[in-house]
Amino acid sequence: MGAYTTAALLQPGRIDVHPALALLAAPVLPAVFAVLIGLPLLRLRGLYFAVATLGTAITVGEVVNNLSYLGAGAGLTTPIVRARSSTST
């Protein structure tokens, strides 16, 4: 989820965030998602917890595979950020 966050924020022409800011946002979205989904799931016990966790994983996978903004199953490509070369001529 952190990798998709970074790649989605770096898409040229869409959001176009600075790469350093995108890398800082990468752990925030998964942490928020973990809290929102984890708190209700952790109240379950035994087989109910296992089934709910598996269902959550499958649901998130299907949502990512069907959102065109996130590559729709084909994946995302990130732009190449090249360092400025300091050549002295």
Foldseek 3Di string as FASTA:
>chain_A
DLVLQLLLCQDPPPNNDPNVVSNVCSVVVVVVVCVVQVVVLVVDDDPSSVVSVVVVVVVVVCVLLCDVSQVNVPGGDGDDDDDDDDDDD
